[in-house]
Amino acid sequence: MGLEWRHMNPVFEVADIDRSLEFYRDVLGLTPHWRWQSSAAGLYTESLELYLARVDDPRPSRVAVFVDDADAALEQYRVAGAEIVQDIETKPWGLRGFTLRDPDGNLIDVAHGPRRARSTRI
């Protein structure tokens, strides 16, 4: 086809841009990068971007992020006040992780791989 995806970032629907920016900055440690009035915003870390889109009736979504140490991330996020909806566990396929929820119901799976996880190509 000749087309290569070069970058992908999730877009979470949120009810309040200010509240969401505060959550992602203060609880999860992302850095606000841009903002368009009260309609949209972007945050980033060293390796990813997250966009926020304000809507009247947010529909929650889900994303998976990978970190060096999910146990340390769990402790940091728990202390910062994140709502943990699935406690940490090691999955049969090798990932160790947990799930948290943002103020609008978006779910974030946070994991690391104690051994390289293998996936099946479709």
N, C-alpha and C. Protein backbone atom coordinates (compact mmCIF):
# COMPACT_ATOMS: atom_id res chain seq x y z
N MET A 1 0.80 -1.19 0.00
CA MET A 1 0.00 0.00 0.00
C MET A 1 0.84 1.26 0.00
N GLY A 2 2.02 1.21 0.56
CA GLY A 2 2.88 2.39 0.57
C GLY A 2 2.60 3.36 1.69
N LEU A 3 1.66 3.05 2.58
CA LEU A 3 1.35 3.93 3.70
C LEU A 3 1.86 3.32 4.99
N GLU A 4 2.52 4.12 5.78
CA GLU A 4 3.01 3.66 7.07
C GLU A 4 2.48 4.56 8.16
N TRP A 5 1.89 3.97 9.17
CA TRP A 5 1.45 4.76 10.32
C TRP A 5 2.68 5.18 11.08
N ARG A 6 2.84 6.45 11.34
CA ARG A 6 4.03 6.95 12.00
C ARG A 6 3.81 7.29 13.46
N HIS A 7 2.59 7.60 13.82
CA HIS A 7 2.31 7.99 15.20
C HIS A 7 0.83 7.78 15.47
N MET A 8 0.51 7.33 16.65
CA MET A 8 -0.89 7.18 17.03
C MET A 8 -1.05 7.71 18.44
N ASN A 9 -2.11 8.45 18.67
CA ASN A 9 -2.38 8.89 20.03
C ASN A 9 -3.86 8.76 20.31
N PRO A 10 -4.21 8.34 21.52
CA PRO A 10 -5.61 8.22 21.87
C PRO A 10 -6.25 9.59 22.07
N VAL A 11 -7.58 9.64 21.87
CA VAL A 11 -8.37 10.82 22.15
C VAL A 11 -9.45 10.40 23.14
N PHE A 12 -9.42 10.95 24.33
CA PHE A 12 -10.43 10.65 25.34
C PHE A 12 -11.47 11.75 25.35
N GLU A 13 -12.73 11.35 25.36
CA GLU A 13 -13.82 12.30 25.53
C GLU A 13 -13.94 12.63 27.01
N VAL A 14 -14.07 13.92 27.32
CA VAL A 14 -14.17 14.37 28.70
C VAL A 14 -15.24 15.44 28.83
N ALA A 15 -15.78 15.60 30.03
CA ALA A 15 -16.81 16.59 30.27
C ALA A 15 -16.23 17.96 30.61
N ASP A 16 -15.01 17.98 31.16
CA ASP A 16 -14.41 19.23 31.64
C ASP A 16 -12.91 19.20 31.37
N ILE A 17 -12.47 20.02 30.45
CA ILE A 17 -11.05 20.05 30.07
C ILE A 17 -10.16 20.40 31.27
N ASP A 18 -10.53 21.41 32.06
CA ASP A 18 -9.70 21.81 33.20
C ASP A 18 -9.53 20.67 34.19
N ARG A 19 -10.64 20.01 34.54
CA ARG A 19 -10.57 18.88 35.49
C ARG A 19 -9.69 17.76 34.94
N SER A 20 -9.85 17.46 33.67
CA SER A 20 -9.06 16.38 33.07
C SER A 20 -7.59 16.73 32.98
N LEU A 21 -7.28 17.97 32.58
CA LEU A 21 -5.87 18.38 32.55
C LEU A 21 -5.24 18.26 33.93
N GLU A 22 -5.97 18.67 34.95
CA GLU A 22 -5.47 18.57 36.32
C GLU A 22 -5.23 17.11 36.71
N PHE A 23 -6.16 16.23 36.39
CA PHE A 23 -6.00 14.81 36.71
C PHE A 23 -4.77 14.23 36.02
N TYR A 24 -4.66 14.41 34.72
CA TYR A 24 -3.54 13.81 33.99
C TYR A 24 -2.20 14.42 34.36
N ARG A 25 -2.20 15.69 34.73
CA ARG A 25 -0.96 16.34 35.16
C ARG A 25 -0.60 15.93 36.59
N ASP A 26 -1.54 16.12 37.53
CA ASP A 26 -1.22 15.94 38.95
C ASP A 26 -1.23 14.50 39.42
N VAL A 27 -2.08 13.67 38.84
CA VAL A 27 -2.18 12.28 39.29
C VAL A 27 -1.29 11.36 38.46
N LEU A 28 -1.29 11.53 37.14
CA LEU A 28 -0.54 10.61 36.29
C LEU A 28 0.79 11.17 35.79
N GLY A 29 1.05 12.46 35.98
CA GLY A 29 2.35 13.02 35.66
C GLY A 29 2.57 13.40 34.21
N LEU A 30 1.51 13.50 33.40
CA LEU A 30 1.68 13.95 32.01
C LEU A 30 1.85 15.46 31.98
N THR A 31 2.46 15.94 30.93
CA THR A 31 2.73 17.37 30.78
C THR A 31 1.76 17.98 29.78
N PRO A 32 0.96 18.98 30.19
CA PRO A 32 0.09 19.66 29.23
C PRO A 32 0.95 20.29 28.12
N HIS A 33 0.49 20.15 26.88
CA HIS A 33 1.27 20.58 25.73
C HIS A 33 0.56 21.68 24.93
N TRP A 34 -0.74 21.54 24.76
CA TRP A 34 -1.50 22.54 24.02
C TRP A 34 -2.94 22.51 24.50
N ARG A 35 -3.66 23.56 24.16
CA ARG A 35 -5.06 23.67 24.54
C ARG A 35 -5.78 24.54 23.53
N TRP A 36 -7.00 24.16 23.17
CA TRP A 36 -7.84 24.98 22.31
C TRP A 36 -9.09 25.33 23.10
N GLN A 37 -9.07 26.53 23.69
CA GLN A 37 -10.16 27.06 24.49
C GLN A 37 -10.60 26.01 25.52
N SER A 38 -11.90 25.77 25.63
CA SER A 38 -12.36 24.73 26.55
C SER A 38 -12.83 23.50 25.79
N SER A 39 -12.35 23.37 24.53
CA SER A 39 -12.82 22.29 23.66
C SER A 39 -11.88 21.10 23.54
N ALA A 40 -10.58 21.35 23.63
CA ALA A 40 -9.63 20.26 23.40
C ALA A 40 -8.29 20.62 24.05
N ALA A 41 -7.51 19.57 24.30
CA ALA A 41 -6.18 19.78 24.87
C ALA A 41 -5.32 18.56 24.56
N GLY A 42 -4.03 18.74 24.70
CA GLY A 42 -3.09 17.65 24.50
C GLY A 42 -2.08 17.61 25.61
N LEU A 43 -1.71 16.39 26.00
CA LEU A 43 -0.68 16.18 27.01
C LEU A 43 0.33 15.20 26.44
N TYR A 44 1.50 15.14 27.04
CA TYR A 44 2.50 14.20 26.53
C TYR A 44 3.40 13.69 27.65
N THR A 45 4.07 12.60 27.33
CA THR A 45 5.19 12.08 28.10
C THR A 45 6.33 11.98 27.08
N GLU A 46 7.39 11.34 27.46
CA GLU A 46 8.51 11.19 26.52
C GLU A 46 8.14 10.36 25.30
N SER A 47 7.16 9.46 25.44
CA SER A 47 6.90 8.54 24.34
C SER A 47 5.48 8.55 23.79
N LEU A 48 4.58 9.35 24.34
CA LEU A 48 3.22 9.34 23.81
C LEU A 48 2.52 10.67 24.02
N GLU A 49 1.45 10.85 23.25
CA GLU A 49 0.58 12.01 23.40
C GLU A 49 -0.83 11.51 23.68
N LEU A 50 -1.55 12.26 24.50
CA LEU A 50 -2.95 11.99 24.79
C LEU A 50 -3.73 13.26 24.48
N TYR A 51 -4.79 13.14 23.70
CA TYR A 51 -5.65 14.27 23.41
C TYR A 51 -6.93 14.14 24.21
N LEU A 52 -7.45 15.28 24.63
CA LEU A 52 -8.72 15.34 25.35
C LEU A 52 -9.68 16.16 24.50
N ALA A 53 -10.89 15.66 24.33
CA ALA A 53 -11.92 16.37 23.57
C ALA A 53 -13.14 16.55 24.46
N ARG A 54 -13.55 17.80 24.66
CA ARG A 54 -14.70 18.05 25.51
C ARG A 54 -15.99 17.77 24.74
N VAL A 55 -16.84 16.96 25.35
CA VAL A 55 -18.15 16.66 24.78
C VAL A 55 -19.18 16.71 25.91
N ASP A 56 -20.43 16.88 25.54
CA ASP A 56 -21.49 16.96 26.55
C ASP A 56 -21.74 15.63 27.26
N ASP A 57 -21.60 14.53 26.54
CA ASP A 57 -21.87 13.22 27.10
C ASP A 57 -20.71 12.29 26.76
N PRO A 58 -19.61 12.34 27.56
CA PRO A 58 -18.43 11.54 27.23
C PRO A 58 -18.74 10.04 27.18
N ARG A 59 -18.15 9.39 26.20
CA ARG A 59 -18.24 7.93 26.09
C ARG A 59 -16.86 7.39 26.42
N PRO A 60 -16.77 6.67 27.53
CA PRO A 60 -15.45 6.18 27.96
C PRO A 60 -14.79 5.28 26.93
N SER A 61 -13.48 5.34 26.93
CA SER A 61 -12.65 4.53 26.06
C SER A 61 -11.61 3.82 26.91
N ARG A 62 -10.70 3.12 26.27
CA ARG A 62 -9.67 2.38 27.00
C ARG A 62 -8.38 2.41 26.18
N VAL A 63 -7.26 2.49 26.90
CA VAL A 63 -5.95 2.48 26.27
C VAL A 63 -5.01 1.70 27.17
N ALA A 64 -3.98 1.12 26.57
CA ALA A 64 -2.94 0.41 27.33
C ALA A 64 -1.64 1.17 27.18
N VAL A 65 -0.94 1.37 28.29
CA VAL A 65 0.37 1.99 28.26
C VAL A 65 1.36 1.05 28.95
N PHE A 66 2.59 1.12 28.51
CA PHE A 66 3.62 0.25 29.06
C PHE A 66 4.67 1.09 29.77
N VAL A 67 5.06 0.63 30.94
CA VAL A 67 6.02 1.32 31.79
C VAL A 67 7.14 0.36 32.15
N ASP A 68 8.21 0.89 32.74
CA ASP A 68 9.31 0.03 33.17
C ASP A 68 8.95 -0.83 34.36
N ASP A 69 8.11 -0.31 35.27
CA ASP A 69 7.79 -1.01 36.51
C ASP A 69 6.35 -0.72 36.90
N ALA A 70 5.45 -1.64 36.60
CA ALA A 70 4.02 -1.43 36.89
C ALA A 70 3.76 -1.39 38.40
N ASP A 71 4.53 -2.13 39.19
CA ASP A 71 4.34 -2.11 40.64
C ASP A 71 4.63 -0.71 41.19
N ALA A 72 5.71 -0.10 40.74
CA ALA A 72 6.06 1.25 41.18
C ALA A 72 5.02 2.26 40.68
N ALA A 73 4.55 2.09 39.44
CA ALA A 73 3.53 2.99 38.91
C ALA A 73 2.25 2.89 39.72
N LEU A 74 1.86 1.67 40.09
CA LEU A 74 0.66 1.49 40.90
C LEU A 74 0.77 2.25 42.21
N GLU A 75 1.88 2.11 42.88
CA GLU A 75 2.07 2.80 44.16
C GLU A 75 2.03 4.32 43.97
N GLN A 76 2.72 4.81 42.96
CA GLN A 76 2.74 6.26 42.70
C GLN A 76 1.34 6.79 42.39
N TYR A 77 0.61 6.09 41.53
CA TYR A 77 -0.72 6.55 41.15
C TYR A 77 -1.71 6.42 42.30
N ARG A 78 -1.59 5.36 43.07
CA ARG A 78 -2.48 5.18 44.22
C ARG A 78 -2.29 6.30 45.23
N VAL A 79 -1.03 6.63 45.52
CA VAL A 79 -0.72 7.72 46.47
C VAL A 79 -1.26 9.06 45.93
N ALA A 80 -1.19 9.24 44.61
CA ALA A 80 -1.65 10.49 44.00
C ALA A 80 -3.17 10.58 43.91
N GLY A 81 -3.87 9.49 44.23
CA GLY A 81 -5.32 9.52 44.27
C GLY A 81 -6.04 8.90 43.09
N ALA A 82 -5.34 8.14 42.26
CA ALA A 82 -6.00 7.49 41.13
C ALA A 82 -6.96 6.41 41.62
N GLU A 83 -8.06 6.26 40.90
CA GLU A 83 -9.01 5.18 41.18
C GLU A 83 -8.52 3.92 40.48
N ILE A 84 -8.10 2.94 41.27
CA ILE A 84 -7.63 1.67 40.72
C ILE A 84 -8.85 0.75 40.62
N VAL A 85 -9.16 0.31 39.41
CA VAL A 85 -10.35 -0.53 39.23
C VAL A 85 -10.01 -2.00 39.08
N GLN A 86 -8.76 -2.32 38.77
CA GLN A 86 -8.30 -3.70 38.74
C GLN A 86 -6.89 -3.71 39.30
N ASP A 87 -6.72 -4.40 40.41
CA ASP A 87 -5.42 -4.41 41.07
C ASP A 87 -4.38 -5.13 40.22
N ILE A 88 -3.16 -4.98 40.61
CA ILE A 88 -2.05 -5.53 39.82
C ILE A 88 -2.05 -7.06 39.84
N GLU A 89 -1.73 -7.63 38.70
CA GLU A 89 -1.60 -9.08 38.58
C GLU A 89 -0.73 -9.39 37.37
N THR A 90 -0.19 -10.58 37.36
CA THR A 90 0.58 -11.06 36.21
C THR A 90 -0.34 -11.93 35.37
N LYS A 91 -0.50 -11.55 34.12
CA LYS A 91 -1.37 -12.27 33.20
C LYS A 91 -0.68 -13.53 32.69
N PRO A 92 -1.43 -14.53 32.25
CA PRO A 92 -0.82 -15.76 31.74
C PRO A 92 0.11 -15.52 30.55
N TRP A 93 -0.10 -14.44 29.80
CA TRP A 93 0.73 -14.16 28.62
C TRP A 93 1.97 -13.33 28.96
N GLY A 94 2.19 -13.05 30.27
CA GLY A 94 3.44 -12.45 30.69
C GLY A 94 3.40 -10.99 31.09
N LEU A 95 2.34 -10.27 30.81
CA LEU A 95 2.28 -8.87 31.22
C LEU A 95 1.85 -8.78 32.68
N ARG A 96 2.46 -7.84 33.39
CA ARG A 96 2.07 -7.56 34.77
C ARG A 96 1.51 -6.15 34.79
N GLY A 97 0.26 -6.01 35.26
CA GLY A 97 -0.32 -4.68 35.21
C GLY A 97 -1.59 -4.53 36.02
N PHE A 98 -2.15 -3.33 35.92
CA PHE A 98 -3.36 -2.95 36.63
C PHE A 98 -4.13 -1.98 35.75
N THR A 99 -5.35 -1.64 36.18
CA THR A 99 -6.19 -0.72 35.42
C THR A 99 -6.67 0.39 36.33
N LEU A 100 -6.62 1.63 35.82
CA LEU A 100 -7.16 2.77 36.56
C LEU A 100 -8.21 3.47 35.71
N ARG A 101 -9.02 4.31 36.38
CA ARG A 101 -10.09 5.03 35.69
C ARG A 101 -9.90 6.53 35.91
N ASP A 102 -10.07 7.30 34.83
CA ASP A 102 -10.00 8.76 34.96
C ASP A 102 -11.37 9.30 35.39
N PRO A 103 -11.49 10.60 35.67
CA PRO A 103 -12.76 11.15 36.16
C PRO A 103 -13.94 11.00 35.20
N ASP A 104 -13.69 10.74 33.92
CA ASP A 104 -14.77 10.58 32.95
C ASP A 104 -15.03 9.12 32.60
N GLY A 105 -14.39 8.20 33.30
CA GLY A 105 -14.63 6.78 33.07
C GLY A 105 -13.69 6.12 32.09
N ASN A 106 -12.78 6.88 31.48
CA ASN A 106 -11.80 6.27 30.58
C ASN A 106 -10.90 5.35 31.37
N LEU A 107 -10.62 4.18 30.81
CA LEU A 107 -9.77 3.20 31.48
C LEU A 107 -8.37 3.21 30.89
N ILE A 108 -7.39 3.08 31.77
CA ILE A 108 -5.99 3.03 31.36
C ILE A 108 -5.37 1.79 31.98
N ASP A 109 -4.97 0.86 31.12
CA ASP A 109 -4.24 -0.33 31.56
C ASP A 109 -2.77 0.03 31.59
N VAL A 110 -2.12 -0.20 32.72
CA VAL A 110 -0.71 0.13 32.90
C VAL A 110 0.02 -1.18 33.16
N ALA A 111 1.04 -1.49 32.36
CA ALA A 111 1.69 -2.79 32.47
C ALA A 111 3.17 -2.74 32.10
N HIS A 112 3.86 -3.78 32.54
CA HIS A 112 5.21 -4.06 32.05
C HIS A 112 5.28 -5.56 31.79
N GLY A 113 6.26 -5.96 31.01
CA GLY A 113 6.41 -7.38 30.69
C GLY A 113 7.61 -7.98 31.39
N PRO A 114 7.40 -8.89 32.35
CA PRO A 114 8.53 -9.54 33.00
C PRO A 114 9.35 -10.37 32.03
N ARG A 115 8.69 -10.83 31.00
CA ARG A 115 9.38 -11.47 29.87
C ARG A 115 8.68 -10.96 28.63
N ARG A 116 9.32 -10.98 27.56
CA ARG A 116 8.73 -10.42 26.34
C ARG A 116 7.47 -11.21 25.98
N ALA A 117 6.37 -10.50 25.94
CA ALA A 117 5.11 -11.13 25.59
C ALA A 117 5.07 -11.39 24.09
N ARG A 118 4.51 -12.51 23.72
CA ARG A 118 4.39 -12.85 22.31
C ARG A 118 2.96 -12.61 21.89
N SER A 119 2.79 -12.08 20.73
CA SER A 119 1.45 -11.86 20.21
C SER A 119 1.28 -12.72 18.95
N THR A 120 0.05 -12.93 18.60
CA THR A 120 -0.27 -13.68 17.40
C THR A 120 -0.62 -12.71 16.30
N ARG A 121 0.01 -12.88 15.16
CA ARG A 121 -0.31 -12.04 14.01
C ARG A 121 -1.60 -12.52 13.39
N ILE A 122 -2.38 -11.57 12.93
CA ILE A 122 -3.66 -11.91 12.28
C ILE A 122 -3.46 -11.88 10.79
